[in-house]
């Protein structure tokens, strides 16, 4: 049963700029944009190939308005969503209420660094958003260790990072390098991975951290998870002119996804992708 957010819960677990950005309500429709849909299609493709078979118990940490959680519930999984923003949780709960056959098991406000779930209670966990809004390495480690804590032995974690080597090209393609301070911001990404938006222009996103793909895998290993794969999500496809229209053509969409599957094992493609996924596994009892 989906639980609406408690209106008295404090959303201050988010940094104020992050809270302000997501309070604009844009996240609910972001992945429906034809050009951005490559992120959703590829992530779902990876999830379908790496998650346990349905019905698995899945915790979607930082699941936002529920795009992935609702799709996985519709596929027969038992999905709980946790997000720090009450608006997102309410949006997910409302959407779930329209899916009487396959609703979410629960949707609650919570912090990735202190999950309101017992130890070893899920077959799989998703971290598809929290890590790139935790610029502090200690906070990311706490999120990883919490994800590992709630996983059952042999359970699967799938986590996303935003790649620091893609963002300058995305800013160039979108005309954002003309915005005040944008070039310095892009150079900062390459040097430190840190992204700040002191001017508050929503076109420049919000406080974030951009990973080196190897760093993302190292974070999983530091939480005592066995890294199974590092995978590019979009690869260079998102930079192709007209990619949104191509993805709306079913035949061309399958061709693009097929090519990205062929390329996903090539380490050189990791740096060309806006997002990188790490698939990791919790140790089975009695094994390191």
C-alpha atoms as a PDB file:
ATOM      1  CA  UNK A   1       0.000   0.000   0.000  1.00  0.00           C
ATOM      2  CA  UNK A   2       1.364   3.411  -0.914  1.00  0.00           C
ATOM      3  CA  UNK A   3       1.879   5.760   2.002  1.00  0.00           C
ATOM      4  CA  UNK A   4       1.630   9.505   1.268  1.00  0.00           C
ATOM      5  CA  UNK A   5       4.350  11.701   2.795  1.00  0.00           C
ATOM      6  CA  UNK A   6       3.971  13.025   6.307  1.00  0.00           C
ATOM      7  CA  UNK A   7       3.574  16.806   5.843  1.00  0.00           C
ATOM      8  CA  UNK A   8       5.488  17.373   9.112  1.00  0.00           C
ATOM      9  CA  UNK A   9       8.648  15.606   7.947  1.00  0.00           C
ATOM     10  CA  UNK A  10      11.543  18.002   7.455  1.00  0.00           C
ATOM     11  CA  UNK A  11      12.908  17.955   3.884  1.00  0.00           C
ATOM     12  CA  UNK A  12      16.133  19.626   5.078  1.00  0.00           C
ATOM     13  CA  UNK A  13      18.142  16.492   4.299  1.00  0.00           C
ATOM     14  CA  UNK A  14      18.523  18.183   0.888  1.00  0.00           C
ATOM     15  CA  UNK A  15      20.858  21.128   0.462  1.00  0.00           C
ATOM     16  CA  UNK A  16      18.715  24.272  -0.036  1.00  0.00           C
ATOM     17  CA  UNK A  17      19.738  24.783  -3.707  1.00  0.00           C
ATOM     18  CA  UNK A  18      18.831  21.172  -4.502  1.00  0.00           C
ATOM     19  CA  UNK A  19      15.513  21.509  -2.692  1.00  0.00           C
ATOM     20  CA  UNK A  20      14.723  24.757  -4.504  1.00  0.00           C
ATOM     21  CA  UNK A  21      15.519  23.228  -7.894  1.00  0.00           C
ATOM     22  CA  UNK A  22      13.370  20.125  -7.462  1.00  0.00           C
ATOM     23  CA  UNK A  23      10.517  22.078  -5.914  1.00  0.00           C
ATOM     24  CA  UNK A  24      10.023  23.505  -9.416  1.00  0.00           C
ATOM     25  CA  UNK A  25       8.404  20.158 -10.236  1.00  0.00           C
ATOM     26  CA  UNK A  26      10.285  19.551 -13.482  1.00  0.00           C
ATOM     27  CA  UNK A  27      11.538  16.081 -12.613  1.00  0.00           C
ATOM     28  CA  UNK A  28       8.196  14.373 -13.161  1.00  0.00           C
ATOM     29  CA  UNK A  29       8.288  15.074 -16.918  1.00  0.00           C
ATOM     30  CA  UNK A  30      12.050  15.110 -17.502  1.00  0.00           C
ATOM     31  CA  UNK A  31      12.431  11.549 -18.796  1.00  0.00           C
ATOM     32  CA  UNK A  32       9.362  11.941 -21.019  1.00  0.00           C
ATOM     33  CA  UNK A  33      11.290  14.437 -23.166  1.00  0.00           C
ATOM     34  CA  UNK A  34      12.073  12.542 -26.429  1.00  0.00           C
ATOM     35  CA  UNK A  35      15.771  13.440 -26.326  1.00  0.00           C
ATOM     36  CA  UNK A  36      16.150  12.517 -22.663  1.00  0.00           C
ATOM     37  CA  UNK A  37      14.216   9.267 -23.062  1.00  0.00           C
ATOM     38  CA  UNK A  38      17.440   7.492 -24.022  1.00  0.00           C
ATOM     39  CA  UNK A  39      18.411   7.680 -20.336  1.00  0.00           C
ATOM     40  CA  UNK A  40      15.185   5.953 -19.286  1.00  0.00           C
ATOM     41  CA  UNK A  41      15.218   3.348 -22.073  1.00  0.00           C
ATOM     42  CA  UNK A  42      18.817   2.338 -21.489  1.00  0.00           C
ATOM     43  CA  UNK A  43      18.501   2.285 -17.711  1.00  0.00           C
ATOM     44  CA  UNK A  44      15.427   0.063 -17.926  1.00  0.00           C
ATOM     45  CA  UNK A  45      17.272  -2.209 -20.368  1.00  0.00           C
ATOM     46  CA  UNK A  46      20.129  -2.614 -17.880  1.00  0.00           C
ATOM     47  CA  UNK A  47      17.728  -3.143 -14.963  1.00  0.00           C
ATOM     48  CA  UNK A  48      15.742  -5.809 -16.812  1.00  0.00           C
ATOM     49  CA  UNK A  49      18.957  -7.742 -17.479  1.00  0.00           C
ATOM     50  CA  UNK A  50      20.473  -7.418 -14.009  1.00  0.00           C
ATOM     51  CA  UNK A  51      17.687  -7.346 -11.410  1.00  0.00           C
ATOM     52  CA  UNK A  52      16.389 -10.576  -9.869  1.00  0.00           C
ATOM     53  CA  UNK A  53      13.334 -12.027 -11.601  1.00  0.00           C
ATOM     54  CA  UNK A  54       9.913 -10.808 -10.495  1.00  0.00           C
ATOM     55  CA  UNK A  55       8.531 -10.760  -7.945  1.00  0.00           C
ATOM     56  CA  UNK A  56      11.620  -9.295  -6.260  1.00  0.00           C
ATOM     57  CA  UNK A  57      11.502  -6.873  -3.353  1.00  0.00           C
ATOM     58  CA  UNK A  58      13.125  -3.644  -4.595  1.00  0.00           C
ATOM     59  CA  UNK A  59      13.970  -0.412  -2.773  1.00  0.00           C
ATOM     60  CA  UNK A  60      14.213   2.622  -5.065  1.00  0.00           C
ATOM     61  CA  UNK A  61      16.352   5.078  -3.076  1.00  0.00           C
ATOM     62  CA  UNK A  62      15.955   8.670  -4.222  1.00  0.00           C
ATOM     63  CA  UNK A  63      13.338   7.445  -6.664  1.00  0.00           C
ATOM     64  CA  UNK A  64      11.880  10.893  -7.334  1.00  0.00           C
ATOM     65  CA  UNK A  65       8.360  10.939  -8.811  1.00  0.00           C
ATOM     66  CA  UNK A  66       8.591   7.187  -9.415  1.00  0.00           C
ATOM     67  CA  UNK A  67       9.298   6.698 -13.118  1.00  0.00           C
ATOM     68  CA  UNK A  68      11.460   3.612 -12.557  1.00  0.00           C
ATOM     69  CA  UNK A  69       9.630   2.395  -9.458  1.00  0.00           C
ATOM     70  CA  UNK A  70       6.265   2.417 -11.218  1.00  0.00           C
ATOM     71  CA  UNK A  71       7.648   0.638 -14.293  1.00  0.00           C
ATOM     72  CA  UNK A  72       9.219  -2.074 -12.144  1.00  0.00           C
ATOM     73  CA  UNK A  73       6.005  -2.471 -10.141  1.00  0.00           C
ATOM     74  CA  UNK A  74       4.111  -2.868 -13.414  1.00  0.00           C
ATOM     75  CA  UNK A  75       6.595  -5.623 -14.325  1.00  0.00           C
ATOM     76  CA  UNK A  76       5.565  -7.562 -11.223  1.00  0.00           C
ATOM     77  CA  UNK A  77       8.084  -6.424  -8.593  1.00  0.00           C
ATOM     78  CA  UNK A  78       7.300  -5.368  -5.018  1.00  0.00           C
ATOM     79  CA  UNK A  79       8.716  -1.821  -5.015  1.00  0.00           C
ATOM     80  CA  UNK A  80       9.206   0.626  -2.173  1.00  0.00           C
ATOM     81  CA  UNK A  81      10.210   4.194  -3.042  1.00  0.00           C
ATOM     82  CA  UNK A  82      12.113   6.509  -0.699  1.00  0.00           C
ATOM     83  CA  UNK A  83      12.891  10.125  -1.600  1.00  0.00           C
ATOM     84  CA  UNK A  84      13.874  13.161   0.472  1.00  0.00           C
ATOM     85  CA  UNK A  85      11.449  15.527  -1.260  1.00  0.00           C
ATOM     86  CA  UNK A  86       7.796  15.354  -0.131  1.00  0.00           C
ATOM     87  CA  UNK A  87       6.659  16.683  -3.529  1.00  0.00           C
ATOM     88  CA  UNK A  88       8.263  13.726  -5.319  1.00  0.00           C
ATOM     89  CA  UNK A  89       6.835  11.225  -2.881  1.00  0.00           C
ATOM     90  CA  UNK A  90       3.361  12.671  -3.293  1.00  0.00           C
ATOM     91  CA  UNK A  91       3.700  12.565  -7.086  1.00  0.00           C
ATOM     92  CA  UNK A  92       4.775   8.925  -6.917  1.00  0.00           C
ATOM     93  CA  UNK A  93       1.932   8.078  -4.526  1.00  0.00           C
ATOM     94  CA  UNK A  94      -0.616   9.793  -6.764  1.00  0.00           C
ATOM     95  CA  UNK A  95       0.640   7.971  -9.863  1.00  0.00           C
ATOM     96  CA  UNK A  96       0.652   4.681  -7.968  1.00  0.00           C
ATOM     97  CA  UNK A  97      -2.955   5.179  -6.893  1.00  0.00           C
ATOM     98  CA  UNK A  98      -3.921   5.134 -10.581  1.00  0.00           C
ATOM     99  CA  UNK A  99      -2.284   1.708 -11.007  1.00  0.00           C
ATOM    100  CA  UNK A 100      -4.652  -0.422  -8.988  1.00  0.00           C
ATOM    101  CA  UNK A 101      -3.294  -3.690 -10.384  1.00  0.00           C
ATOM    102  CA  UNK A 102       0.370  -2.937  -9.716  1.00  0.00           C
ATOM    103  CA  UNK A 103       0.725  -0.144  -7.129  1.00  0.00           C
ATOM    104  CA  UNK A 104       3.902   0.616  -5.228  1.00  0.00           C
ATOM    105  CA  UNK A 105       4.273  -1.217  -1.943  1.00  0.00           C
ATOM    106  CA  UNK A 106       5.104   2.099  -0.260  1.00  0.00           C
ATOM    107  CA  UNK A 107       6.327   5.621  -1.021  1.00  0.00           C
ATOM    108  CA  UNK A 108       7.908   7.469   1.891  1.00  0.00           C
ATOM    109  CA  UNK A 109      10.085  10.476   2.662  1.00  0.00           C
ATOM    110  CA  UNK A 110      13.580   9.472   3.718  1.00  0.00           C
ATOM    111  CA  UNK A 111      17.304  10.061   3.456  1.00  0.00           C
ATOM    112  CA  UNK A 112      19.636   7.785   1.455  1.00  0.00           C
ATOM    113  CA  UNK A 113      22.202   8.145   4.249  1.00  0.00           C
ATOM    114  CA  UNK A 114      19.822   6.850   6.959  1.00  0.00           C
ATOM    115  CA  UNK A 115      17.255   4.553   5.402  1.00  0.00           C
ATOM    116  CA  UNK A 116      14.056   3.746   7.349  1.00  0.00           C
ATOM    117  CA  UNK A 117      14.322   0.051   6.446  1.00  0.00           C
ATOM    118  CA  UNK A 118      15.597  -3.013   8.357  1.00  0.00           C
ATOM    119  CA  UNK A 119      18.778  -4.900   7.576  1.00  0.00           C
ATOM    120  CA  UNK A 120      18.808  -7.454   4.746  1.00  0.00           C
ATOM    121  CA  UNK A 121      15.209  -6.742   3.735  1.00  0.00           C
ATOM    122  CA  UNK A 122      15.452  -6.227  -0.057  1.00  0.00           C
ATOM    123  CA  UNK A 123      16.475  -8.333  -3.032  1.00  0.00           C
ATOM    124  CA  UNK A 124      17.661  -5.244  -4.924  1.00  0.00           C
ATOM    125  CA  UNK A 125      18.281  -1.561  -4.333  1.00  0.00           C
ATOM    126  CA  UNK A 126      18.455   1.310  -6.808  1.00  0.00           C
ATOM    127  CA  UNK A 127      20.544   4.455  -6.327  1.00  0.00           C
ATOM    128  CA  UNK A 128      19.670   6.189  -9.579  1.00  0.00           C
ATOM    129  CA  UNK A 129      19.699   9.748  -8.245  1.00  0.00           C
ATOM    130  CA  UNK A 130      21.145  10.294  -4.760  1.00  0.00           C
ATOM    131  CA  UNK A 131      24.868   9.958  -5.470  1.00  0.00           C
ATOM    132  CA  UNK A 132      25.146  12.944  -7.780  1.00  0.00           C
ATOM    133  CA  UNK A 133      23.494  15.238  -5.245  1.00  0.00           C
ATOM    134  CA  UNK A 134      25.913  14.268  -2.469  1.00  0.00           C
ATOM    135  CA  UNK A 135      29.114  16.216  -3.218  1.00  0.00           C
ATOM    136  CA  UNK A 136      30.748  15.109   0.041  1.00  0.00           C
ATOM    137  CA  UNK A 137      32.532  11.767  -0.254  1.00  0.00           C
ATOM    138  CA  UNK A 138      31.547  10.822   3.290  1.00  0.00           C
ATOM    139  CA  UNK A 139      27.870  11.332   2.497  1.00  0.00           C
ATOM    140  CA  UNK A 140      28.158   9.159  -0.610  1.00  0.00           C
ATOM    141  CA  UNK A 141      29.858   6.450   1.441  1.00  0.00           C
ATOM    142  CA  UNK A 142      27.014   6.523   3.950  1.00  0.00           C
ATOM    143  CA  UNK A 143      24.490   6.173   1.121  1.00  0.00           C
ATOM    144  CA  UNK A 144      26.393   3.196  -0.291  1.00  0.00           C
ATOM    145  CA  UNK A 145      26.734   1.486   3.095  1.00  0.00           C
ATOM    146  CA  UNK A 146      23.039   2.008   3.834  1.00  0.00           C
ATOM    147  CA  UNK A 147      22.168   0.442   0.483  1.00  0.00           C
ATOM    148  CA  UNK A 148      24.437  -2.505   1.295  1.00  0.00           C
ATOM    149  CA  UNK A 149      22.916  -2.814   4.768  1.00  0.00           C
ATOM    150  CA  UNK A 150      19.352  -3.283   3.533  1.00  0.00           C
ATOM    151  CA  UNK A 151      20.368  -5.768   0.821  1.00  0.00           C
ATOM    152  CA  UNK A 152      19.905  -9.463   1.404  1.00  0.00           C
ATOM    153  CA  UNK A 153      22.960 -11.673   0.806  1.00  0.00           C
ATOM    154  CA  UNK A 154      23.358 -12.012  -2.940  1.00  0.00           C
ATOM    155  CA  UNK A 155      21.138  -8.974  -3.553  1.00  0.00           C
ATOM    156  CA  UNK A 156      21.839  -6.562  -6.402  1.00  0.00           C
ATOM    157  CA  UNK A 157      22.562  -2.831  -6.218  1.00  0.00           C
ATOM    158  CA  UNK A 158      22.348  -0.639  -9.312  1.00  0.00           C
ATOM    159  CA  UNK A 159      23.671   2.895  -8.924  1.00  0.00           C
ATOM    160  CA  UNK A 160      23.996   5.839 -11.300  1.00  0.00           C
ATOM    161  CA  UNK A 161      26.598   8.554 -11.469  1.00  0.00           C
ATOM    162  CA  UNK A 162      26.782  11.593 -13.729  1.00  0.00           C
ATOM    163  CA  UNK A 163      30.046  11.519 -15.698  1.00  0.00           C
ATOM    164  CA  UNK A 164      32.358  14.494 -15.313  1.00  0.00           C
ATOM    165  CA  UNK A 165      33.796  13.948 -18.801  1.00  0.00           C
ATOM    166  CA  UNK A 166      30.506  14.378 -20.652  1.00  0.00           C
ATOM    167  CA  UNK A 167      29.101  17.567 -19.188  1.00  0.00           C
ATOM    168  CA  UNK A 168      31.269  20.077 -21.100  1.00  0.00           C
ATOM    169  CA  UNK A 169      30.052  18.637 -24.421  1.00  0.00           C
ATOM    170  CA  UNK A 170      26.439  18.671 -23.248  1.00  0.00           C
ATOM    171  CA  UNK A 171      26.777  22.310 -22.210  1.00  0.00           C
ATOM    172  CA  UNK A 172      28.283  23.146 -25.597  1.00  0.00           C
ATOM    173  CA  UNK A 173      25.578  21.266 -27.536  1.00  0.00           C
ATOM    174  CA  UNK A 174      22.812  22.949 -25.518  1.00  0.00           C
ATOM    175  CA  UNK A 175      24.275  26.450 -25.894  1.00  0.00           C
ATOM    176  CA  UNK A 176      24.913  26.717 -22.159  1.00  0.00           C
ATOM    177  CA  UNK A 177      28.564  27.741 -22.443  1.00  0.00           C
ATOM    178  CA  UNK A 178      27.284  31.229 -23.300  1.00  0.00           C
ATOM    179  CA  UNK A 179      25.698  31.578 -19.865  1.00  0.00           C
ATOM    180  CA  UNK A 180      27.614  33.655 -17.293  1.00  0.00           C
ATOM    181  CA  UNK A 181      30.306  31.569 -15.581  1.00  0.00           C
ATOM    182  CA  UNK A 182      29.477  28.416 -17.554  1.00  0.00           C
ATOM    183  CA  UNK A 183      32.950  27.803 -18.962  1.00  0.00           C
ATOM    184  CA  UNK A 184      34.536  28.093 -15.525  1.00  0.00           C
ATOM    185  CA  UNK A 185      31.907  25.680 -14.241  1.00  0.00           C
ATOM    186  CA  UNK A 186      32.744  23.152 -16.957  1.00  0.00           C
ATOM    187  CA  UNK A 187      36.463  23.420 -16.172  1.00  0.00           C
ATOM    188  CA  UNK A 188      35.644  22.879 -12.484  1.00  0.00           C
ATOM    189  CA  UNK A 189      33.815  19.667 -13.341  1.00  0.00           C
ATOM    190  CA  UNK A 190      36.894  18.302 -15.056  1.00  0.00           C
ATOM    191  CA  UNK A 191      39.195  19.246 -12.190  1.00  0.00           C
ATOM    192  CA  UNK A 192      37.156  18.297  -9.127  1.00  0.00           C
ATOM    193  CA  UNK A 193      33.792  16.860 -10.168  1.00  0.00           C
ATOM    194  CA  UNK A 194      32.008  19.484  -8.078  1.00  0.00           C
ATOM    195  CA  UNK A 195      29.136  21.479  -9.617  1.00  0.00           C
ATOM    196  CA  UNK A 196      27.697  24.595  -8.025  1.00  0.00           C
ATOM    197  CA  UNK A 197      25.125  27.027  -9.369  1.00  0.00           C
ATOM    198  CA  UNK A 198      25.430  30.135  -7.183  1.00  0.00           C
ATOM    199  CA  UNK A 199      23.291  32.192  -9.573  1.00  0.00           C
ATOM    200  CA  UNK A 200      20.361  29.808  -9.275  1.00  0.00           C
ATOM    201  CA  UNK A 201      19.665  29.728 -13.023  1.00  0.00           C
ATOM    202  CA  UNK A 202      17.716  26.440 -13.475  1.00  0.00           C
ATOM    203  CA  UNK A 203      19.396  25.960 -16.857  1.00  0.00           C
ATOM    204  CA  UNK A 204      22.618  25.360 -14.901  1.00  0.00           C
ATOM    205  CA  UNK A 205      21.044  22.621 -12.770  1.00  0.00           C
ATOM    206  CA  UNK A 206      21.892  22.594  -9.070  1.00  0.00           C
ATOM    207  CA  UNK A 207      24.483  21.424  -6.534  1.00  0.00           C
ATOM    208  CA  UNK A 208      25.893  18.133  -7.805  1.00  0.00           C
ATOM    209  CA  UNK A 209      28.887  15.843  -8.067  1.00  0.00           C
ATOM    210  CA  UNK A 210      30.174  14.350 -11.318  1.00  0.00           C
ATOM    211  CA  UNK A 211      31.958  11.006 -10.992  1.00  0.00           C
ATOM    212  CA  UNK A 212      34.910   9.523 -12.711  1.00  0.00           C
ATOM    213  CA  UNK A 213      33.468   6.122 -13.797  1.00  0.00           C
ATOM    214  CA  UNK A 214      36.244   4.261 -11.966  1.00  0.00           C
ATOM    215  CA  UNK A 215      35.497   6.264  -8.812  1.00  0.00           C
ATOM    216  CA  UNK A 216      31.859   5.150  -8.829  1.00  0.00           C
ATOM    217  CA  UNK A 217      32.918   1.500  -8.854  1.00  0.00           C
ATOM    218  CA  UNK A 218      35.461   2.161  -6.098  1.00  0.00           C
ATOM    219  CA  UNK A 219      32.703   3.630  -3.913  1.00  0.00           C
ATOM    220  CA  UNK A 220      30.662   0.462  -4.328  1.00  0.00           C
ATOM    221  CA  UNK A 221      33.658  -1.691  -3.422  1.00  0.00           C
ATOM    222  CA  UNK A 222      34.347   0.450  -0.330  1.00  0.00           C
ATOM    223  CA  UNK A 223      30.841  -0.451   0.872  1.00  0.00           C
ATOM    224  CA  UNK A 224      31.819  -4.147   0.557  1.00  0.00           C
ATOM    225  CA  UNK A 225      29.769  -4.735  -2.539  1.00  0.00           C
ATOM    226  CA  UNK A 226      31.163  -6.859  -5.348  1.00  0.00           C
ATOM    227  CA  UNK A 227      31.234  -4.839  -8.568  1.00  0.00           C
ATOM    228  CA  UNK A 228      29.782  -6.861 -11.436  1.00  0.00           C
ATOM    229  CA  UNK A 229      29.791  -4.211 -14.187  1.00  0.00           C
ATOM    230  CA  UNK A 230      30.349  -0.555 -15.064  1.00  0.00           C
ATOM    231  CA  UNK A 231      28.090   0.429 -17.928  1.00  0.00           C
ATOM    232  CA  UNK A 232      27.581   3.602 -19.963  1.00  0.00           C
ATOM    233  CA  UNK A 233      23.927   4.581 -20.163  1.00  0.00           C
ATOM    234  CA  UNK A 234      23.513   6.858 -23.185  1.00  0.00           C
ATOM    235  CA  UNK A 235      27.037   6.638 -24.600  1.00  0.00           C
ATOM    236  CA  UNK A 236      27.468   9.403 -27.198  1.00  0.00           C
ATOM    237  CA  UNK A 237      23.938   8.876 -28.582  1.00  0.00           C
ATOM    238  CA  UNK A 238      22.361  11.812 -26.753  1.00  0.00           C
ATOM    239  CA  UNK A 239      24.605  14.262 -28.632  1.00  0.00           C
ATOM    240  CA  UNK A 240      23.376  13.085 -32.039  1.00  0.00           C
ATOM    241  CA  UNK A 241      21.217  15.756 -33.738  1.00  0.00           C
ATOM    242  CA  UNK A 242      17.633  14.553 -34.005  1.00  0.00           C
ATOM    243  CA  UNK A 243      18.078  11.716 -31.483  1.00  0.00           C
ATOM    244  CA  UNK A 244      14.678  12.488 -29.922  1.00  0.00           C
ATOM    245  CA  UNK A 245      12.855  11.859 -33.198  1.00  0.00           C
ATOM    246  CA  UNK A 246      14.854   8.691 -33.849  1.00  0.00           C
ATOM    247  CA  UNK A 247      13.852   7.294 -30.469  1.00  0.00           C
ATOM    248  CA  UNK A 248      10.176   7.813 -31.278  1.00  0.00           C
ATOM    249  CA  UNK A 249      10.508   5.474 -34.275  1.00  0.00           C
ATOM    250  CA  UNK A 250      10.209   1.913 -32.836  1.00  0.00           C
ATOM    251  CA  UNK A 251      12.540   0.316 -35.399  1.00  0.00           C
ATOM    252  CA  UNK A 252      15.224   2.984 -35.089  1.00  0.00           C
ATOM    253  CA  UNK A 253      14.900   2.942 -31.285  1.00  0.00           C
ATOM    254  CA  UNK A 254      15.664  -0.787 -31.208  1.00  0.00           C
ATOM    255  CA  UNK A 255      18.669  -0.246 -33.486  1.00  0.00           C
ATOM    256  CA  UNK A 256      20.056   2.418 -31.144  1.00  0.00           C
ATOM    257  CA  UNK A 257      19.531   0.245 -28.061  1.00  0.00           C
ATOM    258  CA  UNK A 258      21.125  -2.723 -29.823  1.00  0.00           C
ATOM    259  CA  UNK A 259      24.225  -0.696 -30.717  1.00  0.00           C
ATOM    260  CA  UNK A 260      24.516   0.628 -27.162  1.00  0.00           C
ATOM    261  CA  UNK A 261      24.336  -2.921 -25.803  1.00  0.00           C
ATOM    262  CA  UNK A 262      27.166  -3.929 -28.135  1.00  0.00           C
ATOM    263  CA  UNK A 263      29.266  -0.992 -26.921  1.00  0.00           C
ATOM    264  CA  UNK A 264      28.449  -1.150 -23.209  1.00  0.00           C
ATOM    265  CA  UNK A 265      31.405  -3.411 -22.381  1.00  0.00           C
ATOM    266  CA  UNK A 266      33.956  -1.067 -23.965  1.00  0.00           C
ATOM    267  CA  UNK A 267      35.707   0.997 -21.256  1.00  0.00           C
ATOM    268  CA  UNK A 268      36.410   3.800 -23.740  1.00  0.00           C
ATOM    269  CA  UNK A 269      32.663   4.503 -24.045  1.00  0.00           C
ATOM    270  CA  UNK A 270      32.265   5.244 -20.328  1.00  0.00           C
ATOM    271  CA  UNK A 271      33.650   8.761 -20.618  1.00  0.00           C
ATOM    272  CA  UNK A 272      31.347   9.630 -23.519  1.00  0.00           C
ATOM    273  CA  UNK A 273      28.162   8.900 -21.567  1.00  0.00           C
ATOM    274  CA  UNK A 274      26.194  11.401 -19.494  1.00  0.00           C
ATOM    275  CA  UNK A 275      25.412   8.699 -16.939  1.00  0.00           C
ATOM    276  CA  UNK A 276      27.290   5.593 -15.838  1.00  0.00           C
ATOM    277  CA  UNK A 277      25.729   2.649 -14.013  1.00  0.00           C
ATOM    278  CA  UNK A 278      27.469   0.346 -11.589  1.00  0.00           C
ATOM    279  CA  UNK A 279      25.941  -3.069 -10.957  1.00  0.00           C
ATOM    280  CA  UNK A 280      27.135  -4.616  -7.682  1.00  0.00           C
ATOM    281  CA  UNK A 281      26.235  -7.598  -5.537  1.00  0.00           C
ATOM    282  CA  UNK A 282      26.064  -8.081  -1.764  1.00  0.00           C
ATOM    283  CA  UNK A 283      28.239 -10.900  -0.464  1.00  0.00           C
ATOM    284  CA  UNK A 284      26.487 -14.170   0.240  1.00  0.00           C
ATOM    285  CA  UNK A 285      26.589 -15.455   3.792  1.00  0.00           C
ATOM    286  CA  UNK A 286      29.878 -17.166   4.586  1.00  0.00           C
ATOM    287  CA  UNK A 287      31.667 -15.564   1.631  1.00  0.00           C
ATOM    288  CA  UNK A 288      33.841 -12.418   1.530  1.00  0.00           C
END
